[in-house]
N, C-alpha and C. Protein backbone atom coordinates (compact mmCIF):
# COMPACT_ATOMS: atom_id res chain seq x y z
N UNK A 1 49.97 48.66 55.67
CA UNK A 1 50.61 49.20 54.47
C UNK A 1 51.73 50.17 54.84
N UNK A 2 52.66 50.32 53.95
CA UNK A 2 53.80 51.20 54.17
C UNK A 2 53.51 52.57 53.58
N UNK A 3 54.03 53.60 54.24
CA UNK A 3 53.91 54.96 53.75
C UNK A 3 55.30 55.50 53.49
N UNK A 4 55.43 56.37 52.49
CA UNK A 4 56.71 57.01 52.21
C UNK A 4 56.78 58.32 52.96
N UNK A 5 57.96 58.61 53.49
CA UNK A 5 58.19 59.91 54.10
C UNK A 5 59.67 60.19 54.01
N UNK A 6 60.06 61.43 54.13
CA UNK A 6 61.46 61.79 54.06
C UNK A 6 61.60 63.28 53.82
N UNK A 7 62.81 63.77 53.94
CA UNK A 7 63.04 65.20 53.77
C UNK A 7 63.76 65.52 52.47
N UNK A 8 63.98 64.54 51.60
CA UNK A 8 64.64 64.81 50.33
C UNK A 8 66.15 64.63 50.40
N UNK A 9 66.78 65.04 51.50
CA UNK A 9 68.23 64.92 51.63
C UNK A 9 68.63 63.49 51.95
N UNK A 10 67.91 62.87 52.83
CA UNK A 10 68.30 61.54 53.31
C UNK A 10 67.61 60.43 52.54
N UNK A 11 66.96 60.77 51.46
CA UNK A 11 66.24 59.75 50.71
C UNK A 11 64.89 59.46 51.34
N UNK A 12 64.26 58.46 50.91
CA UNK A 12 62.93 58.12 51.42
C UNK A 12 63.04 57.04 52.49
N UNK A 13 62.17 57.13 53.45
CA UNK A 13 62.12 56.15 54.53
C UNK A 13 60.72 55.55 54.51
N UNK A 14 60.66 54.24 54.59
CA UNK A 14 59.36 53.58 54.66
C UNK A 14 59.06 53.27 56.11
N UNK A 15 57.83 53.50 56.52
CA UNK A 15 57.44 53.17 57.88
C UNK A 15 56.04 52.59 57.85
N UNK A 16 55.74 51.78 58.82
CA UNK A 16 54.41 51.17 58.90
C UNK A 16 53.43 52.16 59.49
N UNK A 17 52.23 52.14 58.96
CA UNK A 17 51.17 53.00 59.48
C UNK A 17 50.86 52.57 60.91
N UNK A 18 50.68 53.53 61.80
CA UNK A 18 50.38 53.23 63.18
C UNK A 18 51.59 53.32 64.09
N UNK A 19 52.81 53.29 63.53
CA UNK A 19 54.00 53.45 64.35
C UNK A 19 54.24 54.93 64.59
N UNK A 20 54.72 55.31 65.76
CA UNK A 20 54.92 56.74 66.03
C UNK A 20 55.99 57.35 65.14
N UNK A 21 55.79 58.60 64.81
CA UNK A 21 56.80 59.34 64.05
C UNK A 21 57.91 59.77 65.01
N UNK A 22 59.15 59.92 64.51
CA UNK A 22 60.23 60.39 65.38
C UNK A 22 59.93 61.81 65.89
N UNK A 23 60.42 62.11 67.07
CA UNK A 23 60.24 63.44 67.64
C UNK A 23 61.05 64.46 66.85
N UNK A 24 60.55 65.66 66.75
CA UNK A 24 61.28 66.73 66.06
C UNK A 24 61.45 66.44 64.59
N UNK A 25 62.64 66.68 64.07
CA UNK A 25 62.89 66.46 62.65
C UNK A 25 63.24 65.00 62.36
N UNK A 26 63.28 64.16 63.39
CA UNK A 26 63.47 62.74 63.18
C UNK A 26 64.91 62.33 62.96
N UNK A 27 65.54 62.87 61.94
CA UNK A 27 66.88 62.43 61.59
C UNK A 27 67.92 62.88 62.60
N UNK A 28 67.75 64.07 63.16
CA UNK A 28 68.79 64.62 64.03
C UNK A 28 68.37 64.72 65.48
N UNK A 29 67.23 64.18 65.85
CA UNK A 29 66.80 64.34 67.24
C UNK A 29 67.41 63.25 68.11
N UNK A 30 68.36 63.62 68.93
CA UNK A 30 69.00 62.69 69.84
C UNK A 30 68.70 63.07 71.27
N UNK A 31 69.26 62.33 72.20
CA UNK A 31 69.06 62.62 73.60
C UNK A 31 70.37 63.01 74.24
N UNK A 32 70.28 63.93 75.19
CA UNK A 32 71.43 64.32 75.99
C UNK A 32 71.68 63.21 77.02
N UNK A 33 72.77 63.31 77.75
CA UNK A 33 73.13 62.29 78.73
C UNK A 33 72.10 62.07 79.81
N UNK A 34 71.32 63.10 80.14
CA UNK A 34 70.31 62.97 81.18
C UNK A 34 68.94 62.58 80.65
N UNK A 35 68.83 62.28 79.34
CA UNK A 35 67.57 61.82 78.77
C UNK A 35 66.76 62.90 78.09
N UNK A 36 67.10 64.18 78.32
CA UNK A 36 66.38 65.26 77.64
C UNK A 36 66.71 65.26 76.16
N UNK A 37 65.85 65.87 75.37
CA UNK A 37 66.09 65.99 73.94
C UNK A 37 67.29 66.91 73.72
N UNK A 38 68.20 66.48 72.86
CA UNK A 38 69.42 67.25 72.62
C UNK A 38 69.11 68.57 71.93
N UNK A 39 68.27 68.54 70.91
CA UNK A 39 67.83 69.76 70.26
C UNK A 39 68.81 70.38 69.28
N UNK A 40 69.93 69.74 69.02
CA UNK A 40 70.88 70.28 68.05
C UNK A 40 71.60 69.11 67.38
N UNK A 41 72.14 69.39 66.20
CA UNK A 41 72.84 68.38 65.45
C UNK A 41 74.24 68.21 66.03
N UNK A 42 74.59 66.99 66.36
CA UNK A 42 75.91 66.68 66.89
C UNK A 42 76.97 66.95 65.83
N UNK A 43 78.12 67.48 66.22
CA UNK A 43 79.19 67.79 65.27
C UNK A 43 79.68 66.54 64.54
N UNK A 44 79.74 65.43 65.24
CA UNK A 44 80.19 64.18 64.61
C UNK A 44 79.19 63.72 63.56
N UNK A 45 77.91 63.91 63.81
CA UNK A 45 76.88 63.53 62.85
C UNK A 45 76.93 64.45 61.64
N UNK A 46 77.11 65.75 61.90
CA UNK A 46 77.16 66.72 60.80
C UNK A 46 78.35 66.46 59.88
N UNK A 47 79.45 65.96 60.42
CA UNK A 47 80.65 65.70 59.62
C UNK A 47 80.66 64.29 59.05
N UNK A 48 79.61 63.52 59.28
CA UNK A 48 79.56 62.13 58.84
C UNK A 48 79.37 61.98 57.34
N UNK A 49 79.36 60.73 56.90
CA UNK A 49 79.19 60.47 55.48
C UNK A 49 77.72 60.57 55.10
N UNK A 50 77.49 60.82 53.83
CA UNK A 50 76.12 60.97 53.36
C UNK A 50 75.46 59.60 53.24
N UNK A 51 74.14 59.56 53.26
CA UNK A 51 73.45 58.28 53.08
C UNK A 51 73.78 57.61 51.75
N UNK A 52 74.01 58.41 50.72
CA UNK A 52 74.33 57.86 49.41
C UNK A 52 75.68 57.14 49.43
N UNK A 53 76.68 57.74 50.09
CA UNK A 53 78.00 57.11 50.19
C UNK A 53 77.91 55.84 51.03
N UNK A 54 77.16 55.89 52.11
CA UNK A 54 76.98 54.72 52.97
C UNK A 54 76.33 53.59 52.18
N UNK A 55 75.29 53.91 51.43
CA UNK A 55 74.61 52.89 50.63
C UNK A 55 75.54 52.30 49.57
N UNK A 56 76.35 53.15 48.94
CA UNK A 56 77.28 52.66 47.92
C UNK A 56 78.31 51.71 48.52
N UNK A 57 78.83 52.06 49.69
CA UNK A 57 79.82 51.17 50.35
C UNK A 57 79.18 49.87 50.78
N UNK A 58 77.95 49.93 51.28
CA UNK A 58 77.24 48.72 51.68
C UNK A 58 76.98 47.84 50.45
N UNK A 59 76.58 48.46 49.35
CA UNK A 59 76.32 47.70 48.13
C UNK A 59 77.59 47.02 47.61
N UNK A 60 78.71 47.74 47.65
CA UNK A 60 79.98 47.16 47.22
C UNK A 60 80.35 45.94 48.08
N UNK A 61 80.07 46.04 49.38
CA UNK A 61 80.36 44.92 50.29
C UNK A 61 79.45 43.73 50.00
N UNK A 62 78.20 44.01 49.66
CA UNK A 62 77.27 42.93 49.31
C UNK A 62 77.74 42.22 48.05
N UNK A 63 78.11 42.99 47.04
CA UNK A 63 78.60 42.43 45.78
C UNK A 63 79.86 41.59 46.00
N UNK A 64 80.74 42.05 46.90
CA UNK A 64 81.99 41.35 47.20
C UNK A 64 81.79 40.20 48.20
N UNK A 65 80.54 39.94 48.60
CA UNK A 65 80.19 38.86 49.55
C UNK A 65 80.95 38.97 50.87
N UNK A 66 81.10 40.19 51.36
CA UNK A 66 81.77 40.40 52.66
C UNK A 66 80.85 39.92 53.78
N UNK A 67 81.42 39.29 54.78
CA UNK A 67 80.65 38.86 55.95
C UNK A 67 80.45 39.99 56.95
N UNK A 68 81.41 40.89 57.01
CA UNK A 68 81.37 41.97 58.00
C UNK A 68 82.07 43.18 57.43
N UNK A 69 81.45 44.37 57.62
CA UNK A 69 82.07 45.61 57.15
C UNK A 69 81.89 46.68 58.21
N UNK A 70 82.77 47.66 58.16
CA UNK A 70 82.66 48.83 59.03
C UNK A 70 82.62 50.05 58.13
N UNK A 71 81.47 50.68 58.04
CA UNK A 71 81.32 51.88 57.24
C UNK A 71 81.51 53.04 58.21
N UNK A 72 82.72 53.56 58.23
CA UNK A 72 83.06 54.59 59.20
C UNK A 72 84.33 55.31 58.75
N UNK A 73 84.65 56.37 59.47
CA UNK A 73 85.89 57.09 59.22
C UNK A 73 87.07 56.35 59.84
N UNK A 74 88.26 56.89 59.61
CA UNK A 74 89.49 56.25 60.09
C UNK A 74 89.52 56.15 61.62
N UNK A 75 89.07 57.21 62.30
CA UNK A 75 89.07 57.20 63.77
C UNK A 75 88.17 56.10 64.32
N UNK A 76 87.01 55.97 63.72
CA UNK A 76 86.05 54.98 64.19
C UNK A 76 86.53 53.57 63.91
N UNK A 77 87.13 53.34 62.74
CA UNK A 77 87.67 52.01 62.43
C UNK A 77 88.82 51.66 63.38
N UNK A 78 89.65 52.66 63.71
CA UNK A 78 90.73 52.44 64.68
C UNK A 78 90.14 52.05 66.03
N UNK A 79 89.04 52.69 66.42
CA UNK A 79 88.41 52.38 67.71
C UNK A 79 87.92 50.93 67.74
N UNK A 80 87.40 50.44 66.62
CA UNK A 80 86.95 49.04 66.56
C UNK A 80 88.12 48.09 66.77
N UNK A 81 89.24 48.38 66.10
CA UNK A 81 90.44 47.53 66.25
C UNK A 81 90.99 47.62 67.66
N UNK A 82 91.05 48.83 68.21
CA UNK A 82 91.54 49.02 69.57
C UNK A 82 90.69 48.24 70.56
N UNK A 83 89.38 48.30 70.40
CA UNK A 83 88.48 47.58 71.30
C UNK A 83 88.65 46.07 71.17
N UNK A 84 88.94 45.61 69.98
CA UNK A 84 89.11 44.17 69.77
C UNK A 84 90.36 43.63 70.47
N UNK A 85 91.46 44.37 70.38
CA UNK A 85 92.72 43.88 70.92
C UNK A 85 93.05 44.40 72.33
N UNK A 86 92.56 45.59 72.67
CA UNK A 86 92.84 46.19 73.97
C UNK A 86 91.55 46.77 74.57
N UNK A 87 90.61 45.93 74.97
CA UNK A 87 89.32 46.43 75.46
C UNK A 87 89.43 47.30 76.71
N UNK A 88 90.36 47.00 77.60
CA UNK A 88 90.53 47.81 78.81
C UNK A 88 90.99 49.22 78.49
N UNK A 89 91.96 49.33 77.59
CA UNK A 89 92.45 50.65 77.17
C UNK A 89 91.35 51.42 76.45
N UNK A 90 90.61 50.73 75.60
CA UNK A 90 89.51 51.38 74.88
C UNK A 90 88.48 51.91 75.88
N UNK A 91 88.15 51.14 76.90
CA UNK A 91 87.17 51.57 77.90
C UNK A 91 87.63 52.84 78.61
N UNK A 92 88.93 52.93 78.94
CA UNK A 92 89.45 54.14 79.59
C UNK A 92 89.35 55.35 78.67
N UNK A 93 89.69 55.15 77.41
CA UNK A 93 89.65 56.26 76.45
C UNK A 93 88.22 56.71 76.21
N UNK A 94 87.32 55.78 76.03
CA UNK A 94 85.94 56.14 75.70
C UNK A 94 85.23 56.82 76.87
N UNK A 95 85.63 56.50 78.09
CA UNK A 95 85.06 57.18 79.26
C UNK A 95 85.35 58.66 79.25
N UNK A 96 86.51 59.04 78.68
CA UNK A 96 86.93 60.44 78.68
C UNK A 96 86.48 61.16 77.41
N UNK A 97 85.83 60.47 76.49
CA UNK A 97 85.41 61.06 75.22
C UNK A 97 84.35 62.13 75.45
N UNK A 98 84.41 63.17 74.65
CA UNK A 98 83.45 64.26 74.73
C UNK A 98 82.09 63.80 74.17
N UNK A 99 81.05 63.97 74.94
CA UNK A 99 79.70 63.65 74.51
C UNK A 99 78.91 64.94 74.54
N UNK A 100 78.24 65.24 73.42
CA UNK A 100 77.47 66.50 73.37
C UNK A 100 76.10 66.33 73.95
């Protein structure tokens, strides 16, 4: 059976009984480059779109029968295009990207 859980901000999440719960607060617990728990909210995540906006954009794409969508900011959409046409250049840029 499924159980409801959530923090109110991100809506409700359904999970199967018996599956492990996410470490920490779940939504923001990431890992640092060496595998340790990051322990803080990444700036890019904090500045991201809300779950409600993401769901609305996804729903609009479903209604419009889109085969593929990118729900992201302008920088991220540019990165997708750059990677498609210039994968070598994208690889060089992404190697130098700041990772928290």
